N, C-alpha and C. Protein backbone atom coordinates (compact mmCIF):
# COMPACT_ATOMS: atom_id res chain seq x y z
N MET A 1 83.00 69.14 157.33
CA MET A 1 83.53 70.50 157.30
C MET A 1 84.89 70.56 156.61
N LYS A 2 85.70 69.54 156.87
CA LYS A 2 87.02 69.52 156.25
C LYS A 2 86.91 69.41 154.73
N GLU A 3 85.97 68.57 154.28
CA GLU A 3 85.78 68.41 152.83
C GLU A 3 85.26 69.70 152.20
N ALA A 4 84.30 70.35 152.88
CA ALA A 4 83.76 71.61 152.35
C ALA A 4 84.85 72.68 152.29
N GLY A 5 85.67 72.76 153.33
CA GLY A 5 86.76 73.73 153.33
C GLY A 5 87.76 73.47 152.22
N THR A 6 88.00 72.19 151.94
CA THR A 6 88.92 71.84 150.85
C THR A 6 88.40 72.34 149.51
N LEU A 7 87.10 72.21 149.29
CA LEU A 7 86.51 72.66 148.03
C LEU A 7 86.54 74.18 147.91
N VAL A 8 86.28 74.87 149.00
CA VAL A 8 86.34 76.34 148.98
C VAL A 8 87.76 76.80 148.67
N LEU A 9 88.75 76.18 149.33
CA LEU A 9 90.14 76.55 149.08
C LEU A 9 90.55 76.23 147.64
N ALA A 10 90.04 75.13 147.09
CA ALA A 10 90.33 74.78 145.70
C ALA A 10 89.80 75.85 144.75
N PHE A 11 88.58 76.31 145.02
CA PHE A 11 88.00 77.36 144.18
C PHE A 11 88.81 78.65 144.29
N LEU A 12 89.18 79.03 145.50
CA LEU A 12 89.92 80.28 145.71
C LEU A 12 91.31 80.21 145.08
N LEU A 13 91.98 79.08 145.22
CA LEU A 13 93.29 78.94 144.58
C LEU A 13 93.15 78.99 143.07
N GLY A 14 92.14 78.31 142.55
CA GLY A 14 91.91 78.34 141.11
C GLY A 14 91.57 79.72 140.59
N SER A 15 91.02 80.56 141.46
CA SER A 15 90.57 81.89 141.02
C SER A 15 91.70 82.90 140.87
N LEU A 16 92.90 82.57 141.36
CA LEU A 16 94.01 83.52 141.25
C LEU A 16 94.36 83.77 139.79
N PRO A 17 94.24 85.00 139.29
CA PRO A 17 94.45 85.28 137.86
C PRO A 17 95.93 85.49 137.52
N PHE A 18 96.66 84.38 137.44
CA PHE A 18 98.11 84.48 137.25
C PHE A 18 98.49 85.15 135.93
N GLY A 19 97.69 84.97 134.88
CA GLY A 19 97.99 85.65 133.62
C GLY A 19 97.98 87.16 133.79
N LEU A 20 97.00 87.65 134.51
CA LEU A 20 96.90 89.08 134.79
C LEU A 20 98.05 89.54 135.67
N ILE A 21 98.40 88.73 136.67
CA ILE A 21 99.47 89.09 137.60
C ILE A 21 100.82 89.12 136.90
N VAL A 22 101.12 88.10 136.10
CA VAL A 22 102.40 88.05 135.38
C VAL A 22 102.52 89.23 134.42
N ALA A 23 101.46 89.54 133.69
CA ALA A 23 101.50 90.66 132.74
C ALA A 23 101.76 91.97 133.45
N ARG A 24 101.16 92.16 134.59
CA ARG A 24 101.33 93.44 135.30
C ARG A 24 102.70 93.55 135.95
N ILE A 25 103.19 92.46 136.54
CA ILE A 25 104.48 92.51 137.25
C ILE A 25 105.65 92.62 136.28
N PHE A 26 105.66 91.77 135.26
CA PHE A 26 106.82 91.70 134.37
C PHE A 26 106.73 92.60 133.15
N PHE A 27 105.51 92.95 132.72
CA PHE A 27 105.36 93.70 131.48
C PHE A 27 104.63 95.02 131.64
N LYS A 28 104.18 95.32 132.86
CA LYS A 28 103.49 96.57 133.16
C LYS A 28 102.32 96.81 132.20
N THR A 29 101.58 95.76 131.92
CA THR A 29 100.46 95.88 131.01
C THR A 29 99.29 95.02 131.52
N ASP A 30 98.15 95.26 130.96
CA ASP A 30 96.96 94.47 131.28
C ASP A 30 96.70 93.52 130.11
N ILE A 31 96.89 92.23 130.34
CA ILE A 31 96.77 91.25 129.26
C ILE A 31 95.36 91.21 128.69
N ARG A 32 94.38 91.71 129.45
CA ARG A 32 93.01 91.72 128.95
C ARG A 32 92.84 92.67 127.78
N GLY A 33 93.80 93.56 127.57
CA GLY A 33 93.76 94.47 126.43
C GLY A 33 94.67 94.03 125.30
N GLN A 34 95.22 92.81 125.39
CA GLN A 34 96.15 92.30 124.39
C GLN A 34 95.58 91.07 123.70
N GLY A 35 95.80 90.95 122.41
CA GLY A 35 95.39 89.75 121.68
C GLY A 35 93.91 89.45 121.82
N SER A 36 93.62 88.23 122.28
CA SER A 36 92.23 87.81 122.45
C SER A 36 91.60 88.40 123.71
N GLY A 37 92.43 88.96 124.60
CA GLY A 37 91.93 89.51 125.85
C GLY A 37 91.83 88.48 126.96
N ASN A 38 92.18 87.23 126.65
CA ASN A 38 92.10 86.17 127.65
C ASN A 38 93.32 86.21 128.56
N ILE A 39 93.16 85.72 129.81
CA ILE A 39 94.26 85.77 130.77
C ILE A 39 95.09 84.48 130.79
N GLY A 40 94.80 83.57 129.87
CA GLY A 40 95.46 82.27 129.89
C GLY A 40 96.82 82.24 129.22
N ALA A 41 97.44 81.04 129.26
CA ALA A 41 98.79 80.87 128.76
C ALA A 41 98.91 81.10 127.26
N ALA A 42 97.90 80.68 126.49
CA ALA A 42 97.97 80.83 125.04
C ALA A 42 98.04 82.30 124.64
N ASN A 43 97.20 83.13 125.25
CA ASN A 43 97.23 84.55 124.91
C ASN A 43 98.49 85.21 125.44
N ALA A 44 98.99 84.75 126.59
CA ALA A 44 100.25 85.28 127.11
C ALA A 44 101.40 84.97 126.17
N ALA A 45 101.44 83.73 125.65
CA ALA A 45 102.49 83.36 124.70
C ALA A 45 102.36 84.13 123.40
N ARG A 46 101.13 84.32 122.96
CA ARG A 46 100.88 85.01 121.69
C ARG A 46 101.26 86.48 121.76
N THR A 47 101.00 87.14 122.88
CA THR A 47 101.16 88.59 122.96
C THR A 47 102.38 89.04 123.75
N LEU A 48 102.82 88.23 124.73
CA LEU A 48 103.92 88.64 125.59
C LEU A 48 105.20 87.85 125.37
N GLY A 49 105.10 86.75 124.65
CA GLY A 49 106.27 85.94 124.38
C GLY A 49 106.18 84.56 125.01
N LYS A 50 107.03 83.66 124.54
CA LYS A 50 106.96 82.26 124.98
C LYS A 50 107.29 82.11 126.46
N GLY A 51 108.22 82.92 126.96
CA GLY A 51 108.57 82.83 128.37
C GLY A 51 107.39 83.15 129.27
N ALA A 52 106.66 84.19 128.91
CA ALA A 52 105.47 84.56 129.69
C ALA A 52 104.41 83.48 129.59
N GLY A 53 104.23 82.94 128.40
CA GLY A 53 103.25 81.88 128.22
C GLY A 53 103.59 80.65 129.06
N ALA A 54 104.89 80.28 129.09
CA ALA A 54 105.30 79.12 129.87
C ALA A 54 105.09 79.35 131.37
N LEU A 55 105.40 80.54 131.84
CA LEU A 55 105.23 80.85 133.26
C LEU A 55 103.76 80.80 133.66
N VAL A 56 102.90 81.39 132.84
CA VAL A 56 101.46 81.37 133.14
C VAL A 56 100.93 79.94 133.09
N LEU A 57 101.41 79.16 132.13
CA LEU A 57 100.99 77.76 132.01
C LEU A 57 101.32 76.98 133.29
N ILE A 58 102.53 77.14 133.78
CA ILE A 58 102.96 76.41 134.98
C ILE A 58 102.14 76.83 136.19
N LEU A 59 101.98 78.13 136.37
CA LEU A 59 101.23 78.62 137.52
C LEU A 59 99.77 78.21 137.47
N ASP A 60 99.16 78.30 136.30
CA ASP A 60 97.75 77.91 136.17
C ASP A 60 97.57 76.40 136.37
N ALA A 61 98.56 75.61 135.90
CA ALA A 61 98.48 74.17 136.11
C ALA A 61 98.61 73.82 137.59
N LEU A 62 99.48 74.52 138.30
CA LEU A 62 99.63 74.27 139.73
C LEU A 62 98.34 74.55 140.50
N LYS A 63 97.55 75.51 140.00
CA LYS A 63 96.27 75.81 140.64
C LYS A 63 95.34 74.61 140.60
N GLY A 64 95.48 73.76 139.61
CA GLY A 64 94.68 72.56 139.53
C GLY A 64 95.32 71.38 140.24
N PHE A 65 96.63 71.25 140.12
CA PHE A 65 97.35 70.11 140.68
C PHE A 65 97.32 70.09 142.20
N VAL A 66 97.65 71.22 142.82
CA VAL A 66 97.78 71.26 144.28
C VAL A 66 96.47 70.91 144.99
N PRO A 67 95.34 71.56 144.69
CA PRO A 67 94.11 71.20 145.41
C PRO A 67 93.63 69.78 145.12
N THR A 68 93.92 69.26 143.94
CA THR A 68 93.53 67.89 143.63
C THR A 68 94.29 66.89 144.49
N VAL A 69 95.59 67.09 144.62
CA VAL A 69 96.41 66.20 145.44
C VAL A 69 96.03 66.31 146.91
N VAL A 70 95.82 67.55 147.38
CA VAL A 70 95.42 67.75 148.78
C VAL A 70 94.08 67.09 149.06
N ALA A 71 93.13 67.27 148.15
CA ALA A 71 91.80 66.67 148.34
C ALA A 71 91.88 65.15 148.34
N GLN A 72 92.76 64.59 147.53
CA GLN A 72 92.95 63.14 147.52
C GLN A 72 93.36 62.65 148.89
N ASP A 73 94.27 63.38 149.54
CA ASP A 73 94.71 62.99 150.88
C ASP A 73 93.63 63.22 151.93
N VAL A 74 92.84 64.26 151.76
CA VAL A 74 91.81 64.59 152.75
C VAL A 74 90.61 63.66 152.67
N GLY A 75 90.12 63.42 151.46
CA GLY A 75 88.86 62.70 151.34
C GLY A 75 88.81 61.62 150.28
N GLY A 76 89.91 61.35 149.60
CA GLY A 76 89.92 60.28 148.62
C GLY A 76 89.60 60.73 147.20
N PRO A 77 89.44 59.78 146.28
CA PRO A 77 89.30 60.08 144.85
C PRO A 77 88.10 60.96 144.50
N LEU A 78 86.95 60.73 145.13
CA LEU A 78 85.77 61.51 144.78
C LEU A 78 85.95 62.97 145.15
N LEU A 79 86.49 63.24 146.33
CA LEU A 79 86.73 64.63 146.72
C LEU A 79 87.76 65.26 145.79
N ALA A 80 88.73 64.49 145.33
CA ALA A 80 89.73 65.02 144.40
C ALA A 80 89.07 65.48 143.10
N LEU A 81 88.08 64.72 142.63
CA LEU A 81 87.37 65.11 141.41
C LEU A 81 86.61 66.42 141.62
N PHE A 82 85.92 66.53 142.75
CA PHE A 82 85.19 67.76 143.04
C PHE A 82 86.13 68.94 143.21
N ALA A 83 87.26 68.72 143.88
CA ALA A 83 88.22 69.81 144.08
C ALA A 83 88.83 70.25 142.75
N GLY A 84 89.11 69.29 141.87
CA GLY A 84 89.64 69.65 140.56
C GLY A 84 88.66 70.50 139.78
N PHE A 85 87.39 70.12 139.82
CA PHE A 85 86.39 70.91 139.11
C PHE A 85 86.25 72.29 139.74
N ALA A 86 86.31 72.36 141.07
CA ALA A 86 86.21 73.65 141.76
C ALA A 86 87.36 74.57 141.36
N ALA A 87 88.56 74.03 141.23
CA ALA A 87 89.70 74.84 140.83
C ALA A 87 89.53 75.37 139.41
N ILE A 88 89.05 74.52 138.51
CA ILE A 88 88.82 74.96 137.13
C ILE A 88 87.73 76.02 137.09
N ALA A 89 86.66 75.81 137.85
CA ALA A 89 85.58 76.80 137.90
C ALA A 89 86.08 78.12 138.46
N GLY A 90 86.96 78.06 139.47
CA GLY A 90 87.53 79.29 140.02
C GLY A 90 88.32 80.06 138.99
N HIS A 91 89.08 79.33 138.16
CA HIS A 91 89.83 80.00 137.10
C HIS A 91 88.90 80.64 136.07
N CYS A 92 87.83 79.95 135.74
CA CYS A 92 86.91 80.44 134.72
C CYS A 92 86.04 81.60 135.22
N TYR A 93 85.74 81.58 136.51
CA TYR A 93 84.84 82.60 137.09
C TYR A 93 85.46 83.16 138.36
N SER A 94 86.54 83.91 138.18
CA SER A 94 87.31 84.41 139.30
C SER A 94 86.59 85.57 140.00
N PRO A 95 86.40 85.50 141.32
CA PRO A 95 85.79 86.63 142.04
C PRO A 95 86.69 87.86 142.03
N TRP A 96 87.99 87.68 141.78
CA TRP A 96 88.91 88.82 141.71
C TRP A 96 88.76 89.57 140.39
N MET A 97 88.04 88.99 139.43
CA MET A 97 87.81 89.62 138.14
C MET A 97 86.32 89.74 137.84
N ARG A 98 85.54 89.97 138.89
CA ARG A 98 84.09 90.10 138.76
C ARG A 98 83.47 88.87 138.11
N PHE A 99 83.98 87.72 138.53
CA PHE A 99 83.51 86.41 138.08
C PHE A 99 83.67 86.22 136.57
N ARG A 100 84.72 86.83 136.06
CA ARG A 100 85.20 86.51 134.73
C ARG A 100 86.53 85.79 134.88
N GLY A 101 87.07 85.28 133.79
CA GLY A 101 88.33 84.58 133.93
C GLY A 101 88.79 83.96 132.63
N GLY A 102 89.59 82.89 132.77
CA GLY A 102 90.15 82.24 131.60
C GLY A 102 89.31 81.09 131.10
N LYS A 103 89.93 80.25 130.29
CA LYS A 103 89.22 79.14 129.66
C LYS A 103 89.34 77.83 130.46
N GLY A 104 90.28 77.76 131.39
CA GLY A 104 90.37 76.60 132.29
C GLY A 104 91.25 75.47 131.80
N VAL A 105 91.89 75.60 130.65
CA VAL A 105 92.59 74.46 130.05
C VAL A 105 93.86 74.11 130.81
N ALA A 106 94.69 75.10 131.12
CA ALA A 106 95.93 74.82 131.86
C ALA A 106 95.63 74.29 133.24
N THR A 107 94.61 74.82 133.89
CA THR A 107 94.22 74.33 135.21
C THR A 107 93.71 72.90 135.10
N GLU A 108 92.98 72.59 134.04
CA GLU A 108 92.55 71.22 133.81
C GLU A 108 93.75 70.28 133.68
N LEU A 109 94.78 70.73 132.99
CA LEU A 109 95.98 69.91 132.84
C LEU A 109 96.59 69.59 134.20
N GLY A 110 96.66 70.60 135.07
CA GLY A 110 97.19 70.36 136.41
C GLY A 110 96.35 69.35 137.17
N VAL A 111 95.03 69.45 137.05
CA VAL A 111 94.15 68.48 137.71
C VAL A 111 94.44 67.08 137.19
N LEU A 112 94.62 66.95 135.89
CA LEU A 112 94.88 65.64 135.30
C LEU A 112 96.16 65.03 135.85
N PHE A 113 97.20 65.82 136.04
CA PHE A 113 98.44 65.29 136.62
C PHE A 113 98.19 64.82 138.05
N GLY A 114 97.26 65.47 138.76
CA GLY A 114 96.92 65.04 140.09
C GLY A 114 96.07 63.78 140.13
N LEU A 115 95.29 63.56 139.07
CA LEU A 115 94.39 62.40 139.03
C LEU A 115 95.05 61.18 138.39
N ALA A 116 95.61 61.36 137.20
CA ALA A 116 96.20 60.25 136.45
C ALA A 116 97.19 60.83 135.45
N TRP A 117 98.48 60.68 135.72
CA TRP A 117 99.48 61.32 134.88
C TRP A 117 99.43 60.79 133.44
N GLN A 118 98.99 59.55 133.27
CA GLN A 118 98.89 59.00 131.91
C GLN A 118 97.90 59.81 131.08
N ALA A 119 96.75 60.15 131.70
CA ALA A 119 95.75 60.95 130.99
C ALA A 119 96.30 62.33 130.67
N ALA A 120 97.08 62.89 131.58
CA ALA A 120 97.68 64.21 131.34
C ALA A 120 98.61 64.18 130.13
N LEU A 121 99.39 63.11 129.99
CA LEU A 121 100.29 63.00 128.85
C LEU A 121 99.51 62.85 127.54
N ILE A 122 98.41 62.10 127.58
CA ILE A 122 97.56 62.00 126.39
C ILE A 122 96.99 63.36 126.04
N PHE A 123 96.55 64.09 127.05
CA PHE A 123 96.02 65.44 126.84
C PHE A 123 97.04 66.31 126.13
N ILE A 124 98.28 66.31 126.63
CA ILE A 124 99.34 67.13 126.03
C ILE A 124 99.59 66.70 124.59
N GLY A 125 99.66 65.39 124.36
CA GLY A 125 99.93 64.90 123.01
C GLY A 125 98.86 65.31 122.01
N ILE A 126 97.60 65.16 122.38
CA ILE A 126 96.51 65.54 121.49
C ILE A 126 96.51 67.05 121.26
N TRP A 127 96.75 67.82 122.32
CA TRP A 127 96.79 69.28 122.18
C TRP A 127 97.88 69.70 121.19
N ILE A 128 99.07 69.14 121.34
CA ILE A 128 100.18 69.50 120.46
C ILE A 128 99.87 69.12 119.01
N LEU A 129 99.39 67.92 118.79
CA LEU A 129 99.09 67.48 117.43
C LEU A 129 98.01 68.35 116.79
N ALA A 130 96.98 68.68 117.55
CA ALA A 130 95.90 69.50 117.00
C ALA A 130 96.37 70.91 116.68
N VAL A 131 97.20 71.48 117.55
CA VAL A 131 97.69 72.83 117.31
C VAL A 131 98.64 72.85 116.11
N LEU A 132 99.51 71.84 116.01
CA LEU A 132 100.41 71.76 114.87
C LEU A 132 99.64 71.60 113.56
N ALA A 133 98.55 70.85 113.60
CA ALA A 133 97.76 70.60 112.40
C ALA A 133 96.93 71.80 111.98
N THR A 134 96.44 72.57 112.96
CA THR A 134 95.51 73.66 112.64
C THR A 134 96.06 75.05 112.92
N GLY A 135 97.00 75.15 113.86
CA GLY A 135 97.51 76.46 114.27
C GLY A 135 96.70 77.12 115.36
N PHE A 136 95.58 76.49 115.76
CA PHE A 136 94.68 77.12 116.73
C PHE A 136 94.76 76.44 118.09
N ALA A 137 95.08 77.22 119.13
CA ALA A 137 95.10 76.69 120.49
C ALA A 137 93.72 76.24 120.93
N SER A 138 92.70 76.94 120.48
CA SER A 138 91.33 76.59 120.89
C SER A 138 90.94 75.21 120.39
N VAL A 139 91.34 74.86 119.17
CA VAL A 139 91.03 73.54 118.63
C VAL A 139 91.73 72.47 119.46
N GLY A 140 93.01 72.70 119.78
CA GLY A 140 93.74 71.76 120.60
C GLY A 140 93.10 71.58 121.96
N SER A 141 92.68 72.68 122.56
CA SER A 141 92.08 72.63 123.89
C SER A 141 90.77 71.84 123.89
N LEU A 142 89.93 72.08 122.90
CA LEU A 142 88.64 71.41 122.84
C LEU A 142 88.79 69.91 122.57
N LEU A 143 89.66 69.56 121.62
CA LEU A 143 89.85 68.15 121.30
C LEU A 143 90.51 67.40 122.45
N ALA A 144 91.52 68.00 123.05
CA ALA A 144 92.21 67.34 124.16
C ALA A 144 91.27 67.16 125.35
N SER A 145 90.47 68.17 125.63
CA SER A 145 89.52 68.07 126.75
C SER A 145 88.49 66.96 126.50
N PHE A 146 87.97 66.90 125.30
CA PHE A 146 86.98 65.88 124.97
C PHE A 146 87.56 64.47 125.11
N SER A 147 88.83 64.32 124.74
CA SER A 147 89.46 63.00 124.80
C SER A 147 89.59 62.49 126.22
N MET A 148 89.51 63.37 127.21
CA MET A 148 89.70 62.96 128.59
C MET A 148 88.53 62.15 129.13
N ILE A 149 87.38 62.20 128.49
CA ILE A 149 86.26 61.37 128.94
C ILE A 149 86.65 59.90 128.85
N GLY A 150 87.19 59.51 127.71
CA GLY A 150 87.63 58.13 127.54
C GLY A 150 88.89 57.82 128.32
N ALA A 151 89.83 58.77 128.37
CA ALA A 151 91.10 58.53 129.05
C ALA A 151 90.91 58.30 130.54
N LEU A 152 90.09 59.13 131.17
CA LEU A 152 89.88 58.98 132.61
C LEU A 152 89.04 57.74 132.93
N TRP A 153 88.13 57.38 132.04
CA TRP A 153 87.41 56.12 132.21
C TRP A 153 88.40 54.95 132.19
N LEU A 154 89.36 55.02 131.26
CA LEU A 154 90.34 53.95 131.11
C LEU A 154 91.27 53.85 132.32
N PHE A 155 91.79 54.99 132.76
CA PHE A 155 92.81 54.96 133.81
C PHE A 155 92.23 55.06 135.22
N LEU A 156 90.98 55.53 135.35
CA LEU A 156 90.36 55.63 136.67
C LEU A 156 89.04 54.87 136.69
N ASP A 157 87.91 55.58 136.55
CA ASP A 157 86.63 54.89 136.61
C ASP A 157 85.54 55.76 135.99
N ALA A 158 84.30 55.30 136.09
CA ALA A 158 83.18 56.00 135.48
C ALA A 158 82.95 57.37 136.12
N ARG A 159 83.20 57.47 137.43
CA ARG A 159 83.03 58.76 138.10
C ARG A 159 83.98 59.80 137.51
N ALA A 160 85.20 59.39 137.21
CA ALA A 160 86.17 60.30 136.62
C ALA A 160 85.75 60.70 135.21
N ALA A 161 85.14 59.76 134.48
CA ALA A 161 84.65 60.08 133.13
C ALA A 161 83.52 61.10 133.19
N ILE A 162 82.65 60.98 134.20
CA ILE A 162 81.57 61.96 134.37
C ILE A 162 82.16 63.32 134.71
N TYR A 163 83.18 63.33 135.58
CA TYR A 163 83.89 64.58 135.87
C TYR A 163 84.42 65.20 134.57
N ALA A 164 85.07 64.38 133.73
CA ALA A 164 85.64 64.88 132.48
C ALA A 164 84.57 65.46 131.57
N ALA A 165 83.40 64.81 131.52
CA ALA A 165 82.31 65.32 130.69
C ALA A 165 81.84 66.68 131.19
N CYS A 166 81.78 66.85 132.50
CA CYS A 166 81.39 68.16 133.06
C CYS A 166 82.43 69.22 132.72
N VAL A 167 83.70 68.85 132.78
CA VAL A 167 84.77 69.80 132.43
C VAL A 167 84.69 70.17 130.95
N VAL A 168 84.42 69.19 130.10
CA VAL A 168 84.28 69.47 128.66
C VAL A 168 83.16 70.49 128.44
N ALA A 169 82.04 70.30 129.12
CA ALA A 169 80.92 71.23 128.95
C ALA A 169 81.31 72.64 129.38
N LEU A 170 82.03 72.75 130.50
CA LEU A 170 82.46 74.05 130.99
C LEU A 170 83.44 74.70 130.04
N ILE A 171 84.41 73.93 129.57
CA ILE A 171 85.44 74.49 128.69
C ILE A 171 84.84 74.85 127.33
N ALA A 172 83.91 74.04 126.83
CA ALA A 172 83.24 74.39 125.58
C ALA A 172 82.44 75.69 125.74
N LEU A 173 81.80 75.85 126.89
CA LEU A 173 81.08 77.09 127.17
C LEU A 173 82.02 78.28 127.18
N ARG A 174 83.18 78.12 127.81
CA ARG A 174 84.15 79.21 127.88
C ARG A 174 84.79 79.49 126.52
N HIS A 175 84.75 78.53 125.62
CA HIS A 175 85.30 78.71 124.27
C HIS A 175 84.22 79.11 123.26
N GLY A 176 83.08 79.55 123.73
CA GLY A 176 82.00 79.89 122.81
C GLY A 176 82.41 80.91 121.77
N GLU A 177 83.08 81.97 122.19
CA GLU A 177 83.51 83.00 121.25
C GLU A 177 84.55 82.46 120.28
N ASN A 178 85.46 81.60 120.78
CA ASN A 178 86.47 80.99 119.91
C ASN A 178 85.79 80.13 118.84
N ILE A 179 84.78 79.38 119.24
CA ILE A 179 84.07 78.53 118.28
C ILE A 179 83.40 79.38 117.21
N ARG A 180 82.81 80.50 117.62
CA ARG A 180 82.20 81.40 116.64
C ARG A 180 83.25 81.96 115.68
N ARG A 181 84.39 82.36 116.22
CA ARG A 181 85.45 82.90 115.36
C ARG A 181 86.00 81.84 114.42
N LEU A 182 86.10 80.59 114.90
CA LEU A 182 86.56 79.51 114.03
C LEU A 182 85.60 79.32 112.86
N LEU A 183 84.32 79.33 113.14
CA LEU A 183 83.31 79.14 112.09
C LEU A 183 83.31 80.30 111.10
N GLU A 184 83.67 81.50 111.59
CA GLU A 184 83.69 82.68 110.72
C GLU A 184 85.07 82.95 110.12
N GLY A 185 86.06 82.12 110.46
CA GLY A 185 87.41 82.29 109.93
C GLY A 185 88.16 83.47 110.53
N ARG A 186 87.82 83.85 111.77
CA ARG A 186 88.46 85.00 112.40
C ARG A 186 89.27 84.63 113.64
N GLU A 187 89.44 83.35 113.91
CA GLU A 187 90.11 82.94 115.13
C GLU A 187 91.59 83.31 115.12
N ASN A 188 92.11 83.71 116.28
CA ASN A 188 93.53 84.05 116.41
C ASN A 188 94.38 82.78 116.41
N ARG A 189 95.44 82.79 115.64
CA ARG A 189 96.34 81.64 115.59
C ARG A 189 97.39 81.74 116.70
N LEU A 190 97.74 80.58 117.26
CA LEU A 190 98.85 80.53 118.22
C LEU A 190 100.17 80.43 117.50
N ILE A 191 100.25 79.51 116.54
CA ILE A 191 101.47 79.35 115.75
C ILE A 191 101.52 80.44 114.71
N GLY A 192 102.63 81.14 114.64
CA GLY A 192 102.78 82.26 113.71
C GLY A 192 102.66 83.56 114.45
N ALA A 193 101.54 83.76 115.17
CA ALA A 193 101.36 84.98 115.93
C ALA A 193 102.35 85.06 117.07
N SER A 194 102.62 83.91 117.72
CA SER A 194 103.54 83.92 118.85
C SER A 194 104.95 84.25 118.44
N ARG A 195 105.31 83.94 117.18
CA ARG A 195 106.66 84.24 116.72
C ARG A 195 106.90 85.74 116.65
N SER A 196 105.90 86.46 116.15
CA SER A 196 106.07 87.90 116.05
C SER A 196 106.12 88.54 117.42
N ALA A 197 105.35 87.97 118.38
CA ALA A 197 105.39 88.50 119.73
C ALA A 197 106.74 88.28 120.38
N SER A 198 107.32 87.09 120.16
CA SER A 198 108.60 86.79 120.78
C SER A 198 109.73 87.62 120.20
N ASN A 199 109.56 88.09 118.96
CA ASN A 199 110.59 88.94 118.37
C ASN A 199 110.71 90.27 119.06
N ARG A 200 109.66 90.66 119.83
CA ARG A 200 109.72 91.93 120.56
C ARG A 200 110.52 91.81 121.84
N GLY A 201 110.90 90.53 122.20
CA GLY A 201 111.53 90.33 123.51
C GLY A 201 110.44 90.32 124.54
N GLY A 202 110.77 90.47 125.76
CA GLY A 202 109.74 90.61 126.78
C GLY A 202 109.39 89.34 127.50
N ALA A 203 110.19 88.30 127.38
CA ALA A 203 109.94 87.14 128.23
C ALA A 203 110.49 87.42 129.61
N PRO A 204 109.79 87.05 130.67
CA PRO A 204 110.28 87.35 132.02
C PRO A 204 111.50 86.52 132.36
């Protein structure tokens, strides 16, 4: 029962739509009507400014980190993997948004810090390099997520690599529209677009 309750709480914590909350509290707007319409940190940075993007990133990452660490204490490494996935799934399919949500990348980062901080640093490094090279947050997110299959195998074990593969499948599914826009040359850029947004002010 304790393990099941941990997973339910992980999903509920992950489901909190912090991008939507930050936009409404600090900017009196609905982020779903801005930019790509996504509630994640990349769209917040692109449309509301770097400060908003950083705040959403931290909050969304904590949604993954906290339940992963708690689950580790409650039931060990395997429960931590399940709790991390539950938190990411909650972010992607939030019951507070009619089971819609974000892409799960920032929450995945928080889970990684809870599982193996070395893998989290690799994730950040690959994401930054990919975004600098292409300008697209979606490319960075997909490449960094895919790299975690090998990273978690290296720093943890095969079970963690299987977890990472499941997360990659979920995140790729959530990036379906981004992949289509990339193929059609219509994807929104993070670098460049965020500069114009920050010129308006509006960081919390």
